[in-house]
C-alpha atoms as a PDB file:
ATOM      1  CA  MET A   1      22.716  16.161  48.558  1.00  0.00           C
ATOM      2  CA  ILE A   2      24.293  17.530  51.974  1.00  0.00           C
ATOM      3  CA  TYR A   3      21.199  15.924  53.766  1.00  0.00           C
ATOM      4  CA  VAL A   4      21.712  12.648  52.003  1.00  0.00           C
ATOM      5  CA  LEU A   5      25.353  12.772  53.129  1.00  0.00           C
ATOM      6  CA  LEU A   6      24.016  13.300  56.287  1.00  0.00           C
ATOM      7  CA  SER A   7      21.650  11.033  56.604  1.00  0.00           C
ATOM      8  CA  VAL A   8      23.841   8.308  55.240  1.00  0.00           C
ATOM      9  CA  VAL A   9      26.121   9.030  58.888  1.00  0.00           C
ATOM     10  CA  CYS A  10      23.782   9.487  61.041  1.00  0.00           C
ATOM     11  CA  SER A  11      22.108   5.576  59.750  1.00  0.00           C
ATOM     12  CA  VAL A  12      25.711   3.740  59.892  1.00  0.00           C
ATOM     13  CA  LEU A  13      26.344   5.906  63.316  1.00  0.00           C
ATOM     14  CA  VAL A  14      23.079   3.877  64.570  1.00  0.00           C
ATOM     15  CA  SER A  15      25.117   0.826  63.465  1.00  0.00           C
ATOM     16  CA  VAL A  16      28.497   1.530  65.378  1.00  0.00           C
ATOM     17  CA  LEU A  17      26.581   2.799  68.599  1.00  0.00           C
ATOM     18  CA  LEU A  18      25.248  -1.017  68.772  1.00  0.00           C
ATOM     19  CA  LYS A  19      28.684  -1.906  67.768  1.00  0.00           C
ATOM     20  CA  LEU A  20      30.156  -0.271  70.976  1.00  0.00           C
ATOM     21  CA  ALA A  21      27.798  -0.673  73.490  1.00  0.00           C
ATOM     22  CA  ARG A  22      28.841  -4.172  74.685  1.00  0.00           C
ATOM     23  CA  ARG A  23      32.270  -2.471  74.936  1.00  0.00           C
ATOM     24  CA  PHE A  24      31.520   0.211  77.053  1.00  0.00           C
ATOM     25  CA  GLY A  25      28.625  -1.684  79.137  1.00  0.00           C
ATOM     26  CA  ILE A  26      25.690  -0.154  78.044  1.00  0.00           C
ATOM     27  CA  ASP A  27      23.002  -2.646  77.994  1.00  0.00           C
ATOM     28  CA  ILE A  28      21.180  -2.462  74.024  1.00  0.00           C
ATOM     29  CA  GLY A  29      17.543  -2.912  75.192  1.00  0.00           C
ATOM     30  CA  GLN A  30      17.341   0.078  77.501  1.00  0.00           C
ATOM     31  CA  ALA A  31      19.458   1.737  74.825  1.00  0.00           C
ATOM     32  CA  ILE A  32      16.655   0.908  72.203  1.00  0.00           C
ATOM     33  CA  ALA A  33      14.086   1.472  74.963  1.00  0.00           C
ATOM     34  CA  TRP A  34      15.437   5.133  75.615  1.00  0.00           C
ATOM     35  CA  ASN A  35      15.808   5.711  71.987  1.00  0.00           C
ATOM     36  CA  TYR A  36      12.099   6.407  71.493  1.00  0.00           C
ATOM     37  CA  VAL A  37      11.884   8.910  74.324  1.00  0.00           C
ATOM     38  CA  VAL A  38      13.889  11.049  72.668  1.00  0.00           C
ATOM     39  CA  ALA A  39      13.257  10.662  69.127  1.00  0.00           C
ATOM     40  CA  SER A  40       9.513  11.133  70.136  1.00  0.00           C
ATOM     41  CA  ALA A  41      10.192  14.015  72.302  1.00  0.00           C
ATOM     42  CA  LEU A  42      12.622  15.310  68.815  1.00  0.00           C
ATOM     43  CA  THR A  43      10.005  14.220  66.538  1.00  0.00           C
ATOM     44  CA  ALA A  44       7.327  17.135  68.585  1.00  0.00           C
ATOM     45  CA  LEU A  45       9.550  19.367  68.285  1.00  0.00           C
ATOM     46  CA  VAL A  46      11.443  19.819  65.342  1.00  0.00           C
ATOM     47  CA  LEU A  47       8.602  19.007  63.188  1.00  0.00           C
ATOM     48  CA  GLN A  48       5.552  19.973  65.227  1.00  0.00           C
ATOM     49  CA  PRO A  49       3.140  17.336  63.655  1.00  0.00           C
ATOM     50  CA  SER A  50      -1.093  17.776  64.694  1.00  0.00           C
ATOM     51  CA  LEU A  51      -2.075  14.647  65.621  1.00  0.00           C
ATOM     52  CA  ALA A  52      -5.957  15.476  64.865  1.00  0.00           C
ATOM     53  CA  THR A  53      -5.796  13.427  61.090  1.00  0.00           C
ATOM     54  CA  LEU A  54      -4.935   9.788  64.060  1.00  0.00           C
ATOM     55  CA  GLY A  55      -8.438  10.845  65.377  1.00  0.00           C
ATOM     56  CA  GLY A  56     -10.299   9.874  62.527  1.00  0.00           C
ATOM     57  CA  SER A  57     -11.787   7.099  60.637  1.00  0.00           C
ATOM     58  CA  GLY A  58      -9.753   6.814  58.197  1.00  0.00           C
ATOM     59  CA  ALA A  59      -6.417   6.694  60.457  1.00  0.00           C
ATOM     60  CA  PRO A  60      -4.580   3.457  59.554  1.00  0.00           C
ATOM     61  CA  TRP A  61      -4.265   2.164  62.691  1.00  0.00           C
ATOM     62  CA  PRO A  62      -3.262  -1.614  62.384  1.00  0.00           C
ATOM     63  CA  ALA A  63      -0.275  -0.158  60.391  1.00  0.00           C
ATOM     64  CA  LEU A  64       0.826   1.459  63.457  1.00  0.00           C
ATOM     65  CA  LEU A  65       0.309  -0.624  65.903  1.00  0.00           C
ATOM     66  CA  GLY A  66       2.337  -2.931  63.520  1.00  0.00           C
ATOM     67  CA  LEU A  67       5.270  -0.947  63.742  1.00  0.00           C
ATOM     68  CA  GLY A  68       5.565   0.230  66.842  1.00  0.00           C
ATOM     69  CA  VAL A  69       6.173  -3.582  68.110  1.00  0.00           C
ATOM     70  CA  LEU A  70       8.201  -4.023  64.968  1.00  0.00           C
ATOM     71  CA  LEU A  71      10.410  -1.187  65.506  1.00  0.00           C
ATOM     72  CA  PRO A  72      11.703  -1.995  68.690  1.00  0.00           C
ATOM     73  CA  THR A  73      12.029  -5.714  68.335  1.00  0.00           C
ATOM     74  CA  ILE A  74      13.983  -5.248  65.004  1.00  0.00           C
ATOM     75  CA  PHE A  75      16.279  -2.676  66.705  1.00  0.00           C
ATOM     76  CA  LEU A  76      17.116  -5.653  69.231  1.00  0.00           C
ATOM     77  CA  ALA A  77      17.673  -8.126  66.000  1.00  0.00           C
ATOM     78  CA  LEU A  78      19.767  -5.239  64.521  1.00  0.00           C
ATOM     79  CA  GLY A  79      22.290  -5.161  67.226  1.00  0.00           C
ATOM     80  CA  ALA A  80      22.526  -8.521  67.319  1.00  0.00           C
ATOM     81  CA  SER A  81      22.889  -8.953  64.053  1.00  0.00           C
ATOM     82  CA  VAL A  82      26.296  -6.457  63.859  1.00  0.00           C
ATOM     83  CA  ARG A  83      27.633  -8.188  67.091  1.00  0.00           C
ATOM     84  CA  HIS A  84      27.261 -11.502  65.285  1.00  0.00           C
ATOM     85  CA  ALA A  85      27.946 -10.760  61.703  1.00  0.00           C
ATOM     86  CA  GLY A  86      29.738  -7.218  61.513  1.00  0.00           C
ATOM     87  CA  ILE A  87      28.538  -3.905  60.404  1.00  0.00           C
ATOM     88  CA  VAL A  88      28.798  -4.346  57.170  1.00  0.00           C
ATOM     89  CA  ARG A  89      26.885  -7.231  56.213  1.00  0.00           C
ATOM     90  CA  SER A  90      24.001  -5.888  58.823  1.00  0.00           C
ATOM     91  CA  ASP A  91      23.689  -2.761  56.702  1.00  0.00           C
ATOM     92  CA  ALA A  92      23.312  -4.103  53.157  1.00  0.00           C
ATOM     93  CA  ALA A  93      21.102  -7.190  54.579  1.00  0.00           C
ATOM     94  CA  GLN A  94      19.147  -3.928  55.728  1.00  0.00           C
ATOM     95  CA  ARG A  95      19.238  -1.812  52.182  1.00  0.00           C
ATOM     96  CA  LEU A  96      18.469  -4.997  50.562  1.00  0.00           C
ATOM     97  CA  SER A  97      15.044  -5.359  52.534  1.00  0.00           C
ATOM     98  CA  LEU A  98      13.639  -3.323  49.263  1.00  0.00           C
ATOM     99  CA  LEU A  99      13.856  -6.330  47.785  1.00  0.00           C
ATOM    100  CA  ILE A 100      10.612  -7.521  49.865  1.00  0.00           C
ATOM    101  CA  SER A 101       9.812  -4.263  49.414  1.00  0.00           C
ATOM    102  CA  LEU A 102       9.586  -4.900  45.473  1.00  0.00           C
ATOM    103  CA  LEU A 103       7.848  -7.578  45.624  1.00  0.00           C
ATOM    104  CA  ALA A 104       4.693  -6.504  48.281  1.00  0.00           C
ATOM    105  CA  ALA A 105       4.588  -3.749  45.373  1.00  0.00           C
ATOM    106  CA  PHE A 106       4.180  -6.529  42.433  1.00  0.00           C
ATOM    107  CA  LEU A 107       1.735  -8.428  45.135  1.00  0.00           C
ATOM    108  CA  LEU A 108       0.368  -6.575  47.149  1.00  0.00           C
ATOM    109  CA  PHE A 109      -0.275  -3.001  45.479  1.00  0.00           C
ATOM    110  CA  GLY A 110      -0.447  -3.579  41.359  1.00  0.00           C
ATOM    111  CA  GLU A 111       3.535  -2.702  40.477  1.00  0.00           C
ATOM    112  CA  GLN A 112       4.275  -3.806  37.430  1.00  0.00           C
ATOM    113  CA  LEU A 113       7.828  -5.693  36.662  1.00  0.00           C
ATOM    114  CA  SER A 114       9.643  -4.666  34.623  1.00  0.00           C
ATOM    115  CA  GLY A 115      13.052  -6.249  33.647  1.00  0.00           C
ATOM    116  CA  LEU A 116      15.364  -3.396  35.195  1.00  0.00           C
ATOM    117  CA  LYS A 117      13.699  -4.442  38.405  1.00  0.00           C
ATOM    118  CA  ALA A 118      13.902  -7.796  37.470  1.00  0.00           C
ATOM    119  CA  ALA A 119      17.670  -7.840  37.322  1.00  0.00           C
ATOM    120  CA  GLY A 120      17.921  -6.272  40.605  1.00  0.00           C
ATOM    121  CA  ILE A 121      15.682  -8.770  42.381  1.00  0.00           C
ATOM    122  CA  ALA A 122      17.698 -11.480  41.023  1.00  0.00           C
ATOM    123  CA  VAL A 123      20.778  -9.537  41.330  1.00  0.00           C
ATOM    124  CA  GLY A 124      19.857  -8.445  45.011  1.00  0.00           C
ATOM    125  CA  LEU A 125      18.852 -12.216  45.848  1.00  0.00           C
ATOM    126  CA  LEU A 126      22.295 -12.952  45.008  1.00  0.00           C
ATOM    127  CA  ALA A 127      23.964 -10.661  46.574  1.00  0.00           C
ATOM    128  CA  LEU A 128      21.858 -11.388  50.327  1.00  0.00           C
ATOM    129  CA  LEU A 129      23.371 -15.543  49.726  1.00  0.00           C
ATOM    130  CA  CYS A 130      27.208 -14.637  48.908  1.00  0.00           C
ATOM    131  CA  MET A 131      27.020 -12.235  51.807  1.00  0.00           C
ATOM    132  CA  VAL A 132      25.164 -14.539  54.505  1.00  0.00           C
ATOM    133  CA  TRP A 133      27.668 -16.968  53.417  1.00  0.00           C
ATOM    134  CA  ARG A 134      29.934 -18.156  56.059  1.00  0.00           C
ATOM    135  CA  ASN A 135      33.174 -20.007  55.881  1.00  0.00           C
ATOM    136  CA  GLU A 136      35.834 -20.398  59.242  1.00  0.00           C
ATOM    137  CA  HIS A 137      37.790 -17.284  57.604  1.00  0.00           C
ATOM    138  CA  GLY A 138      35.209 -14.720  56.289  1.00  0.00           C
ATOM    139  CA  SER A 139      32.767 -14.619  59.300  1.00  0.00           C
ATOM    140  CA  THR A 140      32.492 -12.929  61.949  1.00  0.00           C
ATOM    141  CA  ASP A 141      30.616 -15.213  63.873  1.00  0.00           C
ATOM    142  CA  SER A 142      31.035 -18.652  62.987  1.00  0.00           C
ATOM    143  CA  GLY A 143      28.120 -20.079  64.336  1.00  0.00           C
ATOM    144  CA  SER A 144      24.692 -20.074  62.562  1.00  0.00           C
ATOM    145  CA  ALA A 145      24.029 -16.491  64.163  1.00  0.00           C
ATOM    146  CA  GLY A 146      26.387 -15.350  61.714  1.00  0.00           C
ATOM    147  CA  TRP A 147      23.964 -15.769  59.119  1.00  0.00           C
ATOM    148  CA  LEU A 148      20.424 -15.963  61.163  1.00  0.00           C
ATOM    149  CA  TYR A 149      20.060 -12.728  62.633  1.00  0.00           C
ATOM    150  CA  PRO A 150      20.908 -10.845  58.964  1.00  0.00           C
ATOM    151  CA  LEU A 151      17.905 -12.479  57.557  1.00  0.00           C
ATOM    152  CA  LEU A 152      15.807 -11.395  60.286  1.00  0.00           C
ATOM    153  CA  VAL A 153      16.931  -7.844  59.658  1.00  0.00           C
ATOM    154  CA  LEU A 154      16.409  -8.507  56.029  1.00  0.00           C
ATOM    155  CA  GLY A 155      12.946  -9.744  56.521  1.00  0.00           C
ATOM    156  CA  GLY A 156      11.912  -7.080  59.825  1.00  0.00           C
ATOM    157  CA  PHE A 157      12.846  -3.875  57.565  1.00  0.00           C
ATOM    158  CA  GLY A 158      11.152  -5.543  54.613  1.00  0.00           C
ATOM    159  CA  MET A 159       7.902  -5.970  56.364  1.00  0.00           C
ATOM    160  CA  ILE A 160       8.471  -2.209  58.015  1.00  0.00           C
ATOM    161  CA  ASP A 161       8.492  -0.826  54.759  1.00  0.00           C
ATOM    162  CA  ILE A 162       5.064  -2.335  53.807  1.00  0.00           C
ATOM    163  CA  LEU A 163       3.135  -1.337  56.906  1.00  0.00           C
ATOM    164  CA  PHE A 164       5.128   2.537  56.012  1.00  0.00           C
ATOM    165  CA  LYS A 165       3.613   2.211  52.624  1.00  0.00           C
ATOM    166  CA  ARG A 166       0.066   1.320  53.666  1.00  0.00           C
ATOM    167  CA  VAL A 167       0.508   4.138  56.165  1.00  0.00           C
ATOM    168  CA  ALA A 168       1.310   6.820  53.544  1.00  0.00           C
ATOM    169  CA  LEU A 169      -1.933   5.168  51.264  1.00  0.00           C
ATOM    170  CA  ALA A 170      -4.137   6.264  54.195  1.00  0.00           C
ATOM    171  CA  GLY A 171      -2.802  10.022  53.961  1.00  0.00           C
ATOM    172  CA  VAL A 172      -1.692   9.904  57.475  1.00  0.00           C
ATOM    173  CA  PRO A 173       1.011  13.373  57.445  1.00  0.00           C
ATOM    174  CA  LEU A 174       3.828  11.901  58.052  1.00  0.00           C
ATOM    175  CA  GLY A 175       4.713  14.096  60.705  1.00  0.00           C
ATOM    176  CA  ALA A 176       1.933  12.429  63.057  1.00  0.00           C
ATOM    177  CA  SER A 177       2.477   9.093  61.498  1.00  0.00           C
ATOM    178  CA  LEU A 178       5.918   8.982  62.749  1.00  0.00           C
ATOM    179  CA  GLN A 179       4.846  10.912  66.676  1.00  0.00           C
ATOM    180  CA  ALA A 180       2.270   7.798  66.226  1.00  0.00           C
ATOM    181  CA  MET A 181       5.025   4.884  65.999  1.00  0.00           C
ATOM    182  CA  PHE A 182       7.500   6.408  68.394  1.00  0.00           C
ATOM    183  CA  ALA A 183       4.938   6.331  70.949  1.00  0.00           C
ATOM    184  CA  LEU A 184       4.230   3.080  70.436  1.00  0.00           C
ATOM    185  CA  ALA A 185       7.417   1.676  70.316  1.00  0.00           C
ATOM    186  CA  LEU A 186       8.414   3.451  73.313  1.00  0.00           C
ATOM    187  CA  LEU A 187       5.404   1.627  75.227  1.00  0.00           C
ATOM    188  CA  VAL A 188       6.331  -1.876  73.820  1.00  0.00           C
ATOM    189  CA  ALA A 189      10.107  -1.204  74.435  1.00  0.00           C
ATOM    190  CA  PHE A 190       9.708  -0.342  78.027  1.00  0.00           C
ATOM    191  CA  ALA A 191       7.586  -2.607  78.734  1.00  0.00           C
ATOM    192  CA  LEU A 192      10.296  -5.267  77.317  1.00  0.00           C
ATOM    193  CA  GLN A 193      12.630  -3.760  79.634  1.00  0.00           C
ATOM    194  CA  LEU A 194      10.222  -3.932  83.165  1.00  0.00           C
ATOM    195  CA  TRP A 195       9.806  -7.830  82.196  1.00  0.00           C
ATOM    196  CA  ARG A 196      13.801  -8.099  82.023  1.00  0.00           C
ATOM    197  CA  ARG A 197      13.952  -5.938  85.180  1.00  0.00           C
ATOM    198  CA  LEU A 198      10.940  -8.131  86.872  1.00  0.00           C
ATOM    199  CA  ARG A 199      12.956 -10.822  86.043  1.00  0.00           C
ATOM    200  CA  GLY A 200      16.272 -10.280  87.459  1.00  0.00           C
ATOM    201  CA  GLU A 201      18.223 -10.013  84.018  1.00  0.00           C
ATOM    202  CA  THR A 202      18.861  -6.616  83.735  1.00  0.00           C
ATOM    203  CA  ARG A 203      18.964  -3.244  86.213  1.00  0.00           C
ATOM    204  CA  PHE A 204      18.165   0.007  84.575  1.00  0.00           C
ATOM    205  CA  THR A 205      21.652   2.546  84.598  1.00  0.00           C
ATOM    206  CA  LEU A 206      22.304   5.956  83.662  1.00  0.00           C
ATOM    207  CA  ARG A 207      24.943   5.087  81.446  1.00  0.00           C
ATOM    208  CA  SER A 208      21.978   2.780  79.096  1.00  0.00           C
ATOM    209  CA  ALA A 209      20.190   6.202  79.330  1.00  0.00           C
ATOM    210  CA  LEU A 210      22.636   8.436  78.081  1.00  0.00           C
ATOM    211  CA  GLY A 211      23.666   5.806  75.365  1.00  0.00           C
ATOM    212  CA  GLY A 212      19.766   5.637  74.536  1.00  0.00           C
ATOM    213  CA  ALA A 213      19.920   9.380  74.313  1.00  0.00           C
ATOM    214  CA  ALA A 214      22.868   8.821  71.526  1.00  0.00           C
ATOM    215  CA  LEU A 215      21.190   5.868  69.496  1.00  0.00           C
ATOM    216  CA  GLY A 216      18.046   8.156  69.852  1.00  0.00           C
ATOM    217  CA  LEU A 217      19.376  11.283  68.546  1.00  0.00           C
ATOM    218  CA  ALA A 218      21.497   9.570  65.111  1.00  0.00           C
ATOM    219  CA  ASN A 219      17.645   8.056  64.816  1.00  0.00           C
ATOM    220  CA  PHE A 220      15.926  10.574  64.505  1.00  0.00           C
ATOM    221  CA  GLY A 221      18.690  12.243  62.158  1.00  0.00           C
ATOM    222  CA  ASN A 222      18.650   9.541  59.843  1.00  0.00           C
ATOM    223  CA  ILE A 223      14.825  10.352  59.701  1.00  0.00           C
ATOM    224  CA  LEU A 224      14.915  14.173  59.452  1.00  0.00           C
ATOM    225  CA  PHE A 225      18.077  14.328  56.758  1.00  0.00           C
ATOM    226  CA  TYR A 226      16.104  11.377  54.829  1.00  0.00           C
ATOM    227  CA  LEU A 227      12.924  13.593  54.754  1.00  0.00           C
ATOM    228  CA  ARG A 228      14.988  16.879  54.319  1.00  0.00           C
ATOM    229  CA  GLY A 229      17.097  15.140  51.140  1.00  0.00           C
ATOM    230  CA  HIS A 230      13.141  14.685  49.628  1.00  0.00           C
ATOM    231  CA  ARG A 231      12.372  17.941  49.922  1.00  0.00           C
ATOM    232  CA  ALA A 232      15.456  19.184  48.288  1.00  0.00           C
ATOM    233  CA  LEU A 233      15.411  17.758  44.934  1.00  0.00           C
ATOM    234  CA  PRO A 234      11.463  16.933  44.863  1.00  0.00           C
ATOM    235  CA  GLN A 235      11.772  15.869  41.052  1.00  0.00           C
ATOM    236  CA  HIS A 236      14.676  13.216  41.650  1.00  0.00           C
ATOM    237  CA  PRO A 237      13.325  11.462  44.472  1.00  0.00           C
ATOM    238  CA  ALA A 238      15.225   8.150  42.905  1.00  0.00           C
ATOM    239  CA  LEU A 239      18.762  10.122  42.783  1.00  0.00           C
ATOM    240  CA  VAL A 240      17.994  10.385  46.250  1.00  0.00           C
ATOM    241  CA  PHE A 241      16.762   6.911  46.848  1.00  0.00           C
ATOM    242  CA  ALA A 242      19.884   5.789  45.702  1.00  0.00           C
ATOM    243  CA  SER A 243      22.366   7.848  46.584  1.00  0.00           C
ATOM    244  CA  MET A 244      20.954   6.345  50.250  1.00  0.00           C
ATOM    245  CA  ASN A 245      21.166   3.203  49.865  1.00  0.00           C
ATOM    246  CA  VAL A 246      24.309   2.868  47.845  1.00  0.00           C
ATOM    247  CA  GLY A 247      26.171   5.279  50.136  1.00  0.00           C
ATOM    248  CA  VAL A 248      24.714   3.011  53.643  1.00  0.00           C
ATOM    249  CA  VAL A 249      26.137   0.079  52.227  1.00  0.00           C
ATOM    250  CA  ALA A 250      29.561   1.596  51.093  1.00  0.00           C
ATOM    251  CA  LEU A 251      30.331   3.797  54.371  1.00  0.00           C
ATOM    252  CA  GLY A 252      29.420   0.819  56.110  1.00  0.00           C
ATOM    253  CA  ALA A 253      31.578  -1.675  54.587  1.00  0.00           C
ATOM    254  CA  LEU A 254      34.870   1.349  55.020  1.00  0.00           C
ATOM    255  CA  VAL A 255      33.350   1.587  58.815  1.00  0.00           C
ATOM    256  CA  GLY A 256      33.466  -2.090  59.358  1.00  0.00           C
ATOM    257  CA  VAL A 257      36.419  -3.110  57.745  1.00  0.00           C
ATOM    258  CA  LEU A 258      38.985  -0.111  58.443  1.00  0.00           C
ATOM    259  CA  VAL A 259      37.347   0.948  62.331  1.00  0.00           C
ATOM    260  CA  PHE A 260      36.911  -2.358  63.462  1.00  0.00           C
ATOM    261  CA  ARG A 261      38.628  -4.634  61.139  1.00  0.00           C
ATOM    262  CA  GLU A 262      35.976  -6.920  60.376  1.00  0.00           C
ATOM    263  CA  ARG A 263      37.237  -9.772  57.995  1.00  0.00           C
ATOM    264  CA  LEU A 264      35.138 -10.278  54.737  1.00  0.00           C
ATOM    265  CA  SER A 265      35.588 -13.049  52.708  1.00  0.00           C
ATOM    266  CA  ARG A 266      36.510 -12.829  48.711  1.00  0.00           C
ATOM    267  CA  LEU A 267      32.279 -14.170  48.594  1.00  0.00           C
ATOM    268  CA  ASN A 268      31.524 -11.969  51.134  1.00  0.00           C
ATOM    269  CA  LEU A 269      32.873  -8.707  49.839  1.00  0.00           C
ATOM    270  CA  GLY A 270      31.529  -9.807  46.292  1.00  0.00           C
ATOM    271  CA  GLY A 271      27.884  -9.692  48.108  1.00  0.00           C
ATOM    272  CA  VAL A 272      28.405  -5.794  49.804  1.00  0.00           C
ATOM    273  CA  LEU A 273      29.263  -4.922  45.556  1.00  0.00           C
ATOM    274  CA  LEU A 274      26.566  -6.747  44.252  1.00  0.00           C
ATOM    275  CA  ALA A 275      24.271  -5.386  46.632  1.00  0.00           C
ATOM    276  CA  LEU A 276      25.467  -1.929  45.613  1.00  0.00           C
ATOM    277  CA  LEU A 277      24.473  -2.967  42.049  1.00  0.00           C
ATOM    278  CA  ALA A 278      21.131  -4.259  42.911  1.00  0.00           C
ATOM    279  CA  ILE A 279      20.357  -1.203  44.956  1.00  0.00           C
ATOM    280  CA  MET A 280      21.529   0.942  41.328  1.00  0.00           C
ATOM    281  CA  LEU A 281      19.630  -1.392  38.918  1.00  0.00           C
ATOM    282  CA  ILE A 282      16.137  -1.174  41.213  1.00  0.00           C
ATOM    283  CA  ALA A 283      16.997   2.776  41.437  1.00  0.00           C
ATOM    284  CA  ARG A 284      17.509   3.199  37.446  1.00  0.00           C
ATOM    285  CA  SER A 285      14.501   1.195  37.027  1.00  0.00           C
END
């Protein structure tokens, strides 16, 4: 379980780094672009993937291209969500994206709906409603951004998970698919930053590059330790899945409330607890 714990820490660390970025003068867009440079390099060094399978006729390039676009853009949405809605609700929204994955499993991949899964989905939707509900005392941002960005995070990560499933069904080794996704995401992320630079909206800085390197280490660590957790407990995938999701929501809540003094209404806090319950119900099913 040490690998799962390390993956949880790295996942929450990504949100913490996004939260601290503006405080230290780091441009989030630039940091996200440099993050993929580091993640791509670490994938090549640590996983040493063979890219030969990507040249075959069965390579899922539409899904890979979709991931190449979604990965950097959802990172931007996550950064905005952490800034406007806080770490607690952003991490919970990210983990509740499994609701979209489950709906896709039933509608697109032929999975059967069980009673526990139905209950988990219902509780998850209620949790989402409670977490995005805002009032003048309980929300980090009193405007629409306080609920809009968590919803974008929910939808974006759900779509990413669906595309991951498409890639997995194609039989491409994980290391090769990660290398392709990170490389495509790198191109998209830097294209966005070059467009911003041409419009005079940003200037490339060493500080943002260093912030991106730290973000890349945390992002890659999250993936690497999660994979190793599954390899260490091959007979218990539900345990790894539940521990990862519950751990991120719980640790994210602790860090958000205790370290960043994020204020949650009782309804928002109830939503976090319901999110934990929904994840456990779905994992148990």
